[in-house]
Amino acid sequence: LRTILSALTPTALRDAAYALVLSRLDYCNALCVNAQDTELHRLQMVINTAARVVSGRSRFDHITDYVRDELHWLPITQRVQFKVCTLVYKAIHGLAPKYLSDMMVPATVASVRRDLRSSSHTQLIPARHHRKYAKRAFAVAGPTAWNSLPADIRDSDSITTFRRLLKTHMFNMAYSD
């Protein structure tokens, strides 16, 4: 990006940064669910560097305010959660492959949970796990992330509405201070 910086307008530079950097980070970032902070920090540094190139700031300048206010990019942790929750939404509504849909077990199916209040709010049952790294599996991480969302987001009627509400929710979680 730095080599073509002078040839692009600010809007084109922002689009190029998104196409070349963020789209590649988003491609398989669902694999980073429940990853260690040191692993995620490296990916966050890539996002920050792309933002510095777009803004024209030096590598020592603070970039969080620009990322939040101008670019509206989510930090890597929220990007991963956004991707996982979107996959769960697609799995629940039949927009994902069957093997993903089969992993999403509604709380209303379990006879023990049928009478609980949580069963009426489209909650999901995470798969049982006994190993440390099993919480990174989609059958565990997907329902856990889904259940942490507010009910009005989970009950969205379209994927477009769901993604808009989810990004707003993730944005507020990331930049709440």
N, C-alpha and C. Protein backbone atom coordinates (compact mmCIF):
# COMPACT_ATOMS: atom_id res chain seq x y z
N LEU A 1 0.82 -1.20 0.00
CA LEU A 1 0.00 0.00 0.00
C LEU A 1 0.86 1.26 0.00
N ARG A 2 1.98 1.21 0.71
CA ARG A 2 2.82 2.41 0.77
C ARG A 2 3.40 2.77 -0.59
N THR A 3 3.61 1.76 -1.43
CA THR A 3 4.21 2.05 -2.75
C THR A 3 3.22 2.73 -3.69
N ILE A 4 1.93 2.51 -3.52
CA ILE A 4 0.93 3.13 -4.39
C ILE A 4 0.19 4.26 -3.69
N LEU A 5 0.68 4.65 -2.53
CA LEU A 5 0.02 5.66 -1.70
C LEU A 5 -0.21 6.97 -2.45
N SER A 6 0.79 7.43 -3.15
CA SER A 6 0.67 8.75 -3.81
C SER A 6 -0.25 8.71 -5.03
N ALA A 7 -0.52 7.55 -5.58
CA ALA A 7 -1.34 7.45 -6.79
C ALA A 7 -2.83 7.31 -6.49
N LEU A 8 -3.21 7.17 -5.24
CA LEU A 8 -4.61 6.92 -4.89
C LEU A 8 -5.22 8.07 -4.13
N THR A 9 -6.51 8.25 -4.31
CA THR A 9 -7.25 9.20 -3.49
C THR A 9 -7.47 8.58 -2.12
N PRO A 10 -7.82 9.37 -1.13
CA PRO A 10 -8.05 8.79 0.21
C PRO A 10 -9.13 7.71 0.22
N THR A 11 -10.20 7.90 -0.55
CA THR A 11 -11.25 6.88 -0.61
C THR A 11 -10.75 5.61 -1.27
N ALA A 12 -10.02 5.75 -2.35
CA ALA A 12 -9.47 4.58 -3.05
C ALA A 12 -8.45 3.87 -2.17
N LEU A 13 -7.68 4.62 -1.41
CA LEU A 13 -6.69 4.01 -0.50
C LEU A 13 -7.39 3.21 0.60
N ARG A 14 -8.47 3.76 1.13
CA ARG A 14 -9.23 3.05 2.15
C ARG A 14 -9.83 1.76 1.57
N ASP A 15 -10.37 1.83 0.36
CA ASP A 15 -10.92 0.64 -0.29
C ASP A 15 -9.84 -0.39 -0.58
N ALA A 16 -8.67 0.08 -1.00
CA ALA A 16 -7.56 -0.84 -1.29
C ALA A 16 -7.08 -1.52 0.00
N ALA A 17 -7.02 -0.77 1.08
CA ALA A 17 -6.60 -1.36 2.36
C ALA A 17 -7.60 -2.42 2.80
N TYR A 18 -8.88 -2.14 2.60
CA TYR A 18 -9.89 -3.12 2.97
C TYR A 18 -9.78 -4.36 2.09
N ALA A 19 -9.60 -4.15 0.80
CA ALA A 19 -9.54 -5.28 -0.14
C ALA A 19 -8.28 -6.12 0.04
N LEU A 20 -7.16 -5.47 0.28
CA LEU A 20 -5.89 -6.20 0.35
C LEU A 20 -5.57 -6.74 1.74
N VAL A 21 -6.01 -6.06 2.78
CA VAL A 21 -5.61 -6.45 4.13
C VAL A 21 -6.78 -7.06 4.91
N LEU A 22 -7.84 -6.29 5.09
CA LEU A 22 -8.93 -6.75 5.96
C LEU A 22 -9.70 -7.93 5.38
N SER A 23 -9.85 -7.97 4.08
CA SER A 23 -10.57 -9.11 3.51
C SER A 23 -9.80 -10.41 3.74
N ARG A 24 -8.49 -10.35 3.73
CA ARG A 24 -7.68 -11.54 4.00
C ARG A 24 -7.69 -11.90 5.47
N LEU A 25 -7.75 -10.91 6.33
CA LEU A 25 -7.88 -11.21 7.76
C LEU A 25 -9.23 -11.83 8.07
N ASP A 26 -10.26 -11.38 7.37
CA ASP A 26 -11.61 -11.88 7.62
C ASP A 26 -11.87 -13.24 6.98
N TYR A 27 -11.03 -13.65 6.05
CA TYR A 27 -11.28 -14.87 5.30
C TYR A 27 -11.41 -16.09 6.21
N CYS A 28 -10.48 -16.32 7.06
CA CYS A 28 -10.51 -17.49 7.94
C CYS A 28 -10.37 -17.11 9.40
N ASN A 29 -10.82 -15.93 9.76
CA ASN A 29 -10.61 -15.52 11.14
C ASN A 29 -11.49 -16.27 12.13
N ALA A 30 -12.47 -17.02 11.67
CA ALA A 30 -13.26 -17.84 12.59
C ALA A 30 -12.40 -18.91 13.24
N LEU A 31 -11.27 -19.22 12.63
CA LEU A 31 -10.34 -20.17 13.23
C LEU A 31 -9.65 -19.59 14.46
N CYS A 32 -9.72 -18.29 14.63
CA CYS A 32 -9.06 -17.62 15.75
C CYS A 32 -9.96 -17.47 16.97
N VAL A 33 -11.13 -18.08 16.94
CA VAL A 33 -12.04 -17.96 18.08
C VAL A 33 -11.39 -18.58 19.31
N ASN A 34 -11.49 -17.88 20.42
CA ASN A 34 -10.89 -18.27 21.70
C ASN A 34 -9.38 -18.48 21.61
N ALA A 35 -8.73 -17.79 20.68
CA ALA A 35 -7.28 -17.88 20.57
C ALA A 35 -6.64 -17.04 21.67
N GLN A 36 -5.37 -17.29 21.90
CA GLN A 36 -4.65 -16.54 22.92
C GLN A 36 -4.48 -15.09 22.48
N ASP A 37 -4.37 -14.21 23.46
CA ASP A 37 -4.23 -12.78 23.17
C ASP A 37 -2.96 -12.47 22.37
N THR A 38 -1.90 -13.24 22.59
CA THR A 38 -0.66 -12.98 21.85
C THR A 38 -0.85 -13.25 20.36
N GLU A 39 -1.63 -14.26 20.03
CA GLU A 39 -1.90 -14.56 18.62
C GLU A 39 -2.78 -13.47 17.99
N LEU A 40 -3.77 -13.03 18.73
CA LEU A 40 -4.67 -12.00 18.22
C LEU A 40 -3.98 -10.64 18.14
N HIS A 41 -3.02 -10.40 19.03
CA HIS A 41 -2.32 -9.12 19.02
C HIS A 41 -1.55 -8.91 17.71
N ARG A 42 -0.99 -9.98 17.18
CA ARG A 42 -0.27 -9.88 15.90
C ARG A 42 -1.22 -9.45 14.78
N LEU A 43 -2.42 -10.02 14.77
CA LEU A 43 -3.40 -9.66 13.75
C LEU A 43 -3.90 -8.22 13.95
N GLN A 44 -4.04 -7.80 15.20
CA GLN A 44 -4.45 -6.43 15.48
C GLN A 44 -3.39 -5.44 15.01
N MET A 45 -2.14 -5.82 15.12
CA MET A 45 -1.06 -4.95 14.65
C MET A 45 -1.13 -4.77 13.13
N VAL A 46 -1.56 -5.79 12.41
CA VAL A 46 -1.73 -5.68 10.96
C VAL A 46 -2.84 -4.67 10.64
N ILE A 47 -3.95 -4.76 11.38
CA ILE A 47 -5.05 -3.81 11.19
C ILE A 47 -4.58 -2.38 11.49
N ASN A 48 -3.85 -2.22 12.58
CA ASN A 48 -3.36 -0.89 12.96
C ASN A 48 -2.39 -0.33 11.92
N THR A 49 -1.55 -1.17 11.37
CA THR A 49 -0.61 -0.72 10.36
C THR A 49 -1.35 -0.28 9.09
N ALA A 50 -2.35 -1.03 8.69
CA ALA A 50 -3.15 -0.64 7.52
C ALA A 50 -3.85 0.70 7.78
N ALA A 51 -4.34 0.89 8.99
CA ALA A 51 -5.00 2.16 9.33
C ALA A 51 -4.00 3.31 9.30
N ARG A 52 -2.78 3.07 9.76
CA ARG A 52 -1.76 4.12 9.72
C ARG A 52 -1.40 4.50 8.29
N VAL A 53 -1.34 3.52 7.41
CA VAL A 53 -1.05 3.82 6.00
C VAL A 53 -2.19 4.64 5.39
N VAL A 54 -3.43 4.24 5.68
CA VAL A 54 -4.58 4.97 5.14
C VAL A 54 -4.63 6.39 5.67
N SER A 55 -4.32 6.57 6.95
CA SER A 55 -4.42 7.90 7.56
C SER A 55 -3.19 8.76 7.31
N GLY A 56 -2.08 8.15 6.90
CA GLY A 56 -0.86 8.90 6.68
C GLY A 56 -0.10 9.21 7.95
N ARG A 57 -0.40 8.51 9.01
CA ARG A 57 0.27 8.74 10.28
C ARG A 57 1.52 7.89 10.39
N SER A 58 2.39 8.29 11.29
CA SER A 58 3.63 7.53 11.49
C SER A 58 3.35 6.30 12.35
N ARG A 59 4.31 5.41 12.40
CA ARG A 59 4.12 4.16 13.13
C ARG A 59 4.04 4.34 14.63
N PHE A 60 4.39 5.52 15.14
CA PHE A 60 4.36 5.76 16.58
C PHE A 60 3.12 6.52 17.03
N ASP A 61 2.28 6.94 16.09
CA ASP A 61 1.06 7.69 16.44
C ASP A 61 -0.03 6.74 16.92
N HIS A 62 -0.85 7.27 17.79
CA HIS A 62 -2.01 6.51 18.30
C HIS A 62 -3.06 6.44 17.18
N ILE A 63 -3.63 5.25 16.96
CA ILE A 63 -4.51 5.05 15.80
C ILE A 63 -5.92 4.64 16.16
N THR A 64 -6.19 4.29 17.40
CA THR A 64 -7.49 3.75 17.78
C THR A 64 -8.64 4.71 17.48
N ASP A 65 -8.45 5.99 17.77
CA ASP A 65 -9.52 6.97 17.51
C ASP A 65 -9.84 7.06 16.02
N TYR A 66 -8.82 7.02 15.19
CA TYR A 66 -9.04 7.09 13.75
C TYR A 66 -9.76 5.83 13.24
N VAL A 67 -9.36 4.68 13.74
CA VAL A 67 -10.00 3.42 13.34
C VAL A 67 -11.47 3.44 13.73
N ARG A 68 -11.76 3.95 14.92
CA ARG A 68 -13.13 3.98 15.41
C ARG A 68 -13.97 5.04 14.72
N ASP A 69 -13.47 6.26 14.64
CA ASP A 69 -14.29 7.39 14.18
C ASP A 69 -14.34 7.54 12.66
N GLU A 70 -13.25 7.25 11.98
CA GLU A 70 -13.19 7.48 10.54
C GLU A 70 -13.41 6.20 9.73
N LEU A 71 -12.69 5.14 10.08
CA LEU A 71 -12.75 3.92 9.28
C LEU A 71 -13.88 2.99 9.69
N HIS A 72 -14.30 3.05 10.95
CA HIS A 72 -15.36 2.19 11.49
C HIS A 72 -14.99 0.71 11.36
N TRP A 73 -13.72 0.39 11.65
CA TRP A 73 -13.26 -0.99 11.62
C TRP A 73 -13.32 -1.57 13.02
N LEU A 74 -13.73 -2.81 13.12
CA LEU A 74 -13.77 -3.51 14.40
C LEU A 74 -12.39 -4.05 14.74
N PRO A 75 -12.04 -4.11 16.03
CA PRO A 75 -10.80 -4.80 16.43
C PRO A 75 -10.91 -6.29 16.11
N ILE A 76 -9.79 -6.96 16.10
CA ILE A 76 -9.75 -8.35 15.65
C ILE A 76 -10.61 -9.27 16.51
N THR A 77 -10.66 -9.06 17.80
CA THR A 77 -11.48 -9.91 18.67
C THR A 77 -12.95 -9.83 18.28
N GLN A 78 -13.44 -8.63 18.05
CA GLN A 78 -14.83 -8.45 17.65
C GLN A 78 -15.07 -8.92 16.21
N ARG A 79 -14.06 -8.82 15.35
CA ARG A 79 -14.20 -9.32 13.98
C ARG A 79 -14.39 -10.83 13.98
N VAL A 80 -13.66 -11.51 14.86
CA VAL A 80 -13.78 -12.97 14.98
C VAL A 80 -15.17 -13.33 15.50
N GLN A 81 -15.64 -12.64 16.54
CA GLN A 81 -16.97 -12.91 17.08
C GLN A 81 -18.05 -12.59 16.05
N PHE A 82 -17.87 -11.53 15.28
CA PHE A 82 -18.82 -11.17 14.23
C PHE A 82 -18.93 -12.31 13.22
N LYS A 83 -17.81 -12.85 12.82
CA LYS A 83 -17.80 -13.93 11.83
C LYS A 83 -18.48 -15.18 12.39
N VAL A 84 -18.18 -15.53 13.63
CA VAL A 84 -18.76 -16.73 14.23
C VAL A 84 -20.27 -16.56 14.38
N CYS A 85 -20.71 -15.41 14.87
CA CYS A 85 -22.15 -15.18 15.04
C CYS A 85 -22.88 -15.16 13.70
N THR A 86 -22.25 -14.64 12.67
CA THR A 86 -22.86 -14.65 11.34
C THR A 86 -22.99 -16.07 10.81
N LEU A 87 -21.98 -16.90 11.05
CA LEU A 87 -22.06 -18.31 10.65
C LEU A 87 -23.18 -19.03 11.40
N VAL A 88 -23.34 -18.72 12.68
CA VAL A 88 -24.41 -19.35 13.46
C VAL A 88 -25.77 -18.92 12.91
N TYR A 89 -25.92 -17.63 12.62
CA TYR A 89 -27.19 -17.14 12.06
C TYR A 89 -27.51 -17.88 10.76
N LYS A 90 -26.51 -18.01 9.90
CA LYS A 90 -26.73 -18.71 8.64
C LYS A 90 -27.07 -20.17 8.87
N ALA A 91 -26.42 -20.80 9.85
CA ALA A 91 -26.69 -22.21 10.15
C ALA A 91 -28.11 -22.41 10.67
N ILE A 92 -28.57 -21.51 11.50
CA ILE A 92 -29.91 -21.61 12.07
C ILE A 92 -30.98 -21.42 11.00
N HIS A 93 -30.74 -20.51 10.07
CA HIS A 93 -31.74 -20.16 9.07
C HIS A 93 -31.56 -20.91 7.75
N GLY A 94 -30.75 -21.96 7.74
CA GLY A 94 -30.62 -22.80 6.56
C GLY A 94 -29.81 -22.18 5.44
N LEU A 95 -28.97 -21.20 5.74
CA LEU A 95 -28.15 -20.56 4.72
C LEU A 95 -26.71 -21.08 4.71
N ALA A 96 -26.42 -22.03 5.58
CA ALA A 96 -25.08 -22.61 5.69
C ALA A 96 -25.16 -24.10 5.36
N PRO A 97 -24.02 -24.73 5.16
CA PRO A 97 -24.03 -26.17 4.89
C PRO A 97 -24.69 -26.96 6.03
N LYS A 98 -25.20 -28.11 5.69
CA LYS A 98 -25.95 -28.93 6.65
C LYS A 98 -25.10 -29.35 7.85
N TYR A 99 -23.82 -29.62 7.63
CA TYR A 99 -22.99 -30.05 8.74
C TYR A 99 -22.84 -28.95 9.80
N LEU A 100 -22.92 -27.69 9.41
CA LEU A 100 -22.91 -26.60 10.38
C LEU A 100 -24.28 -26.47 11.05
N SER A 101 -25.34 -26.62 10.27
CA SER A 101 -26.69 -26.51 10.82
C SER A 101 -26.96 -27.61 11.85
N ASP A 102 -26.40 -28.79 11.62
CA ASP A 102 -26.61 -29.90 12.56
C ASP A 102 -25.95 -29.66 13.90
N MET A 103 -24.96 -28.79 13.96
CA MET A 103 -24.28 -28.49 15.22
C MET A 103 -25.08 -27.54 16.11
N MET A 104 -26.03 -26.83 15.54
CA MET A 104 -26.80 -25.85 16.28
C MET A 104 -28.05 -26.51 16.87
N VAL A 105 -28.01 -26.78 18.16
CA VAL A 105 -29.11 -27.46 18.85
C VAL A 105 -29.86 -26.42 19.68
N PRO A 106 -31.11 -26.13 19.35
CA PRO A 106 -31.89 -25.16 20.12
C PRO A 106 -32.16 -25.65 21.54
N ALA A 107 -32.25 -24.72 22.47
CA ALA A 107 -32.52 -25.08 23.87
C ALA A 107 -33.91 -25.68 24.02
N THR A 108 -34.82 -25.42 23.09
CA THR A 108 -36.18 -25.97 23.18
C THR A 108 -36.20 -27.47 22.92
N VAL A 109 -35.15 -28.01 22.31
CA VAL A 109 -35.10 -29.44 22.02
C VAL A 109 -34.84 -30.25 23.27
N ALA A 110 -34.00 -29.73 24.15
CA ALA A 110 -33.65 -30.45 25.38
C ALA A 110 -34.84 -30.44 26.33
N SER A 111 -35.25 -31.62 26.79
CA SER A 111 -36.42 -31.71 27.65
C SER A 111 -36.19 -31.03 28.99
N VAL A 112 -34.95 -30.98 29.45
CA VAL A 112 -34.64 -30.35 30.73
C VAL A 112 -34.80 -28.84 30.63
N ARG A 113 -34.45 -28.27 29.47
CA ARG A 113 -34.45 -26.81 29.32
C ARG A 113 -35.73 -26.27 28.70
N ARG A 114 -36.63 -27.11 28.33
CA ARG A 114 -37.83 -26.67 27.62
C ARG A 114 -38.65 -25.66 28.42
N ASP A 115 -38.69 -25.80 29.73
CA ASP A 115 -39.51 -24.93 30.56
C ASP A 115 -38.76 -23.69 31.07
N LEU A 116 -37.52 -23.54 30.72
CA LEU A 116 -36.75 -22.38 31.16
C LEU A 116 -37.03 -21.18 30.28
N ARG A 117 -36.84 -19.99 30.84
CA ARG A 117 -37.05 -18.77 30.06
C ARG A 117 -36.08 -18.66 28.89
N SER A 118 -34.88 -19.21 29.06
CA SER A 118 -33.88 -19.10 27.99
C SER A 118 -34.30 -19.84 26.72
N SER A 119 -35.17 -20.81 26.85
CA SER A 119 -35.58 -21.57 25.67
C SER A 119 -36.47 -20.75 24.73
N SER A 120 -37.06 -19.69 25.23
CA SER A 120 -37.93 -18.88 24.38
C SER A 120 -37.17 -17.79 23.63
N HIS A 121 -35.90 -17.65 23.89
CA HIS A 121 -35.12 -16.59 23.27
C HIS A 121 -34.08 -17.13 22.29
N THR A 122 -34.42 -18.14 21.58
CA THR A 122 -33.57 -18.76 20.56
C THR A 122 -32.16 -19.04 21.06
N GLN A 123 -32.05 -19.55 22.26
CA GLN A 123 -30.75 -19.94 22.81
C GLN A 123 -30.35 -21.29 22.23
N LEU A 124 -29.06 -21.54 22.19
CA LEU A 124 -28.53 -22.79 21.67
C LEU A 124 -27.76 -23.53 22.76
N ILE A 125 -27.67 -24.83 22.61
CA ILE A 125 -26.94 -25.65 23.58
C ILE A 125 -25.54 -25.92 23.02
N PRO A 126 -24.48 -25.45 23.69
CA PRO A 126 -23.12 -25.77 23.23
C PRO A 126 -22.83 -27.26 23.42
N ALA A 127 -22.01 -27.80 22.54
CA ALA A 127 -21.62 -29.20 22.68
C ALA A 127 -20.78 -29.38 23.94
N ARG A 128 -20.88 -30.56 24.53
CA ARG A 128 -20.06 -30.85 25.71
C ARG A 128 -18.62 -31.00 25.28
N HIS A 129 -17.73 -30.55 26.17
CA HIS A 129 -16.31 -30.70 25.88
C HIS A 129 -15.55 -30.94 27.17
N HIS A 130 -14.46 -31.67 27.05
CA HIS A 130 -13.65 -32.00 28.22
C HIS A 130 -12.20 -31.60 28.05
N ARG A 131 -11.83 -31.13 26.90
CA ARG A 131 -10.46 -30.74 26.63
C ARG A 131 -10.35 -29.22 26.59
N LYS A 132 -9.15 -28.75 26.85
CA LYS A 132 -8.89 -27.31 26.90
C LYS A 132 -9.17 -26.64 25.55
N TYR A 133 -8.73 -27.27 24.47
CA TYR A 133 -8.87 -26.65 23.16
C TYR A 133 -10.21 -26.92 22.50
N ALA A 134 -11.04 -27.73 23.13
CA ALA A 134 -12.35 -28.04 22.54
C ALA A 134 -13.27 -26.82 22.52
N LYS A 135 -13.02 -25.84 23.38
CA LYS A 135 -13.87 -24.64 23.38
C LYS A 135 -13.67 -23.80 22.12
N ARG A 136 -12.64 -24.13 21.31
CA ARG A 136 -12.42 -23.43 20.05
C ARG A 136 -13.21 -24.05 18.91
N ALA A 137 -13.80 -25.22 19.14
CA ALA A 137 -14.58 -25.89 18.10
C ALA A 137 -15.86 -25.09 17.84
N PHE A 138 -16.32 -25.13 16.59
CA PHE A 138 -17.51 -24.36 16.22
C PHE A 138 -18.75 -24.82 16.99
N ALA A 139 -18.84 -26.10 17.30
CA ALA A 139 -20.00 -26.63 18.03
C ALA A 139 -20.07 -26.09 19.45
N VAL A 140 -18.97 -25.60 19.98
CA VAL A 140 -18.93 -25.01 21.31
C VAL A 140 -18.91 -23.48 21.22
N ALA A 141 -17.99 -22.95 20.42
CA ALA A 141 -17.82 -21.50 20.32
C ALA A 141 -19.00 -20.81 19.67
N GLY A 142 -19.61 -21.44 18.67
CA GLY A 142 -20.75 -20.83 17.98
C GLY A 142 -21.94 -20.59 18.90
N PRO A 143 -22.46 -21.65 19.55
CA PRO A 143 -23.57 -21.43 20.47
C PRO A 143 -23.23 -20.52 21.65
N THR A 144 -21.99 -20.58 22.12
CA THR A 144 -21.61 -19.71 23.23
C THR A 144 -21.64 -18.24 22.81
N ALA A 145 -21.10 -17.94 21.64
CA ALA A 145 -21.13 -16.56 21.13
C ALA A 145 -22.56 -16.13 20.84
N TRP A 146 -23.37 -17.03 20.29
CA TRP A 146 -24.77 -16.74 19.96
C TRP A 146 -25.56 -16.42 21.22
N ASN A 147 -25.37 -17.21 22.26
CA ASN A 147 -26.11 -17.01 23.50
C ASN A 147 -25.73 -15.71 24.21
N SER A 148 -24.54 -15.19 23.91
CA SER A 148 -24.11 -13.94 24.55
C SER A 148 -24.72 -12.71 23.90
N LEU A 149 -25.36 -12.88 22.75
CA LEU A 149 -25.98 -11.75 22.06
C LEU A 149 -27.33 -11.38 22.68
N PRO A 150 -27.70 -10.11 22.62
CA PRO A 150 -29.04 -9.72 23.07
C PRO A 150 -30.12 -10.37 22.20
N ALA A 151 -31.28 -10.59 22.78
CA ALA A 151 -32.38 -11.29 22.09
C ALA A 151 -32.85 -10.55 20.85
N ASP A 152 -32.84 -9.22 20.86
CA ASP A 152 -33.33 -8.49 19.68
C ASP A 152 -32.40 -8.68 18.47
N ILE A 153 -31.13 -8.93 18.70
CA ILE A 153 -30.22 -9.21 17.58
C ILE A 153 -30.45 -10.63 17.07
N ARG A 154 -30.57 -11.58 18.00
CA ARG A 154 -30.79 -12.98 17.61
C ARG A 154 -32.09 -13.17 16.85
N ASP A 155 -33.09 -12.36 17.14
CA ASP A 155 -34.41 -12.51 16.52
C ASP A 155 -34.57 -11.71 15.23
N SER A 156 -33.48 -11.29 14.62
CA SER A 156 -33.54 -10.51 13.38
C SER A 156 -34.20 -11.34 12.28
N ASP A 157 -34.93 -10.63 11.41
CA ASP A 157 -35.68 -11.34 10.37
C ASP A 157 -34.90 -11.52 9.06
N SER A 158 -33.78 -10.82 8.89
CA SER A 158 -32.99 -11.00 7.67
C SER A 158 -31.51 -10.94 8.02
N ILE A 159 -30.69 -11.49 7.15
CA ILE A 159 -29.25 -11.49 7.37
C ILE A 159 -28.69 -10.07 7.34
N THR A 160 -29.26 -9.22 6.52
CA THR A 160 -28.80 -7.83 6.44
C THR A 160 -29.05 -7.10 7.75
N THR A 161 -30.24 -7.25 8.28
CA THR A 161 -30.58 -6.62 9.56
C THR A 161 -29.72 -7.19 10.67
N PHE A 162 -29.54 -8.51 10.66
CA PHE A 162 -28.73 -9.15 11.68
C PHE A 162 -27.30 -8.61 11.66
N ARG A 163 -26.70 -8.54 10.49
CA ARG A 163 -25.31 -8.06 10.40
C ARG A 163 -25.19 -6.60 10.82
N ARG A 164 -26.18 -5.78 10.48
CA ARG A 164 -26.14 -4.37 10.86
C ARG A 164 -26.22 -4.22 12.38
N LEU A 165 -27.19 -4.93 12.99
CA LEU A 165 -27.34 -4.86 14.44
C LEU A 165 -26.13 -5.46 15.17
N LEU A 166 -25.60 -6.54 14.61
CA LEU A 166 -24.46 -7.19 15.22
C LEU A 166 -23.22 -6.30 15.17
N LYS A 167 -22.99 -5.64 14.05
CA LYS A 167 -21.82 -4.76 13.96
C LYS A 167 -21.95 -3.60 14.94
N THR A 168 -23.15 -3.05 15.05
CA THR A 168 -23.37 -1.97 16.02
C THR A 168 -23.10 -2.46 17.44
N HIS A 169 -23.59 -3.64 17.76
CA HIS A 169 -23.37 -4.22 19.09
C HIS A 169 -21.88 -4.46 19.34
N MET A 170 -21.19 -5.05 18.37
CA MET A 170 -19.76 -5.32 18.51
C MET A 170 -18.95 -4.02 18.59
N PHE A 171 -19.37 -3.03 17.82
CA PHE A 171 -18.70 -1.73 17.85
C PHE A 171 -18.84 -1.11 19.23
N ASN A 172 -20.04 -1.17 19.81
CA ASN A 172 -20.25 -0.62 21.14
C ASN A 172 -19.47 -1.38 22.20
N MET A 173 -19.37 -2.70 22.04
CA MET A 173 -18.58 -3.49 22.99
C MET A 173 -17.09 -3.15 22.91
N ALA A 174 -16.60 -2.96 21.70
CA ALA A 174 -15.17 -2.69 21.51
C ALA A 174 -14.76 -1.32 21.99
N TYR A 175 -15.60 -0.34 21.75
CA TYR A 175 -15.25 1.04 22.04
C TYR A 175 -16.16 1.66 23.09
N SER A 176 -16.49 0.92 24.12
CA SER A 176 -17.45 1.40 25.12
C SER A 176 -16.89 2.51 26.00
N ASP A 177 -15.58 2.60 26.15
CA ASP A 177 -15.02 3.65 26.99
C ASP A 177 -14.86 4.91 26.18
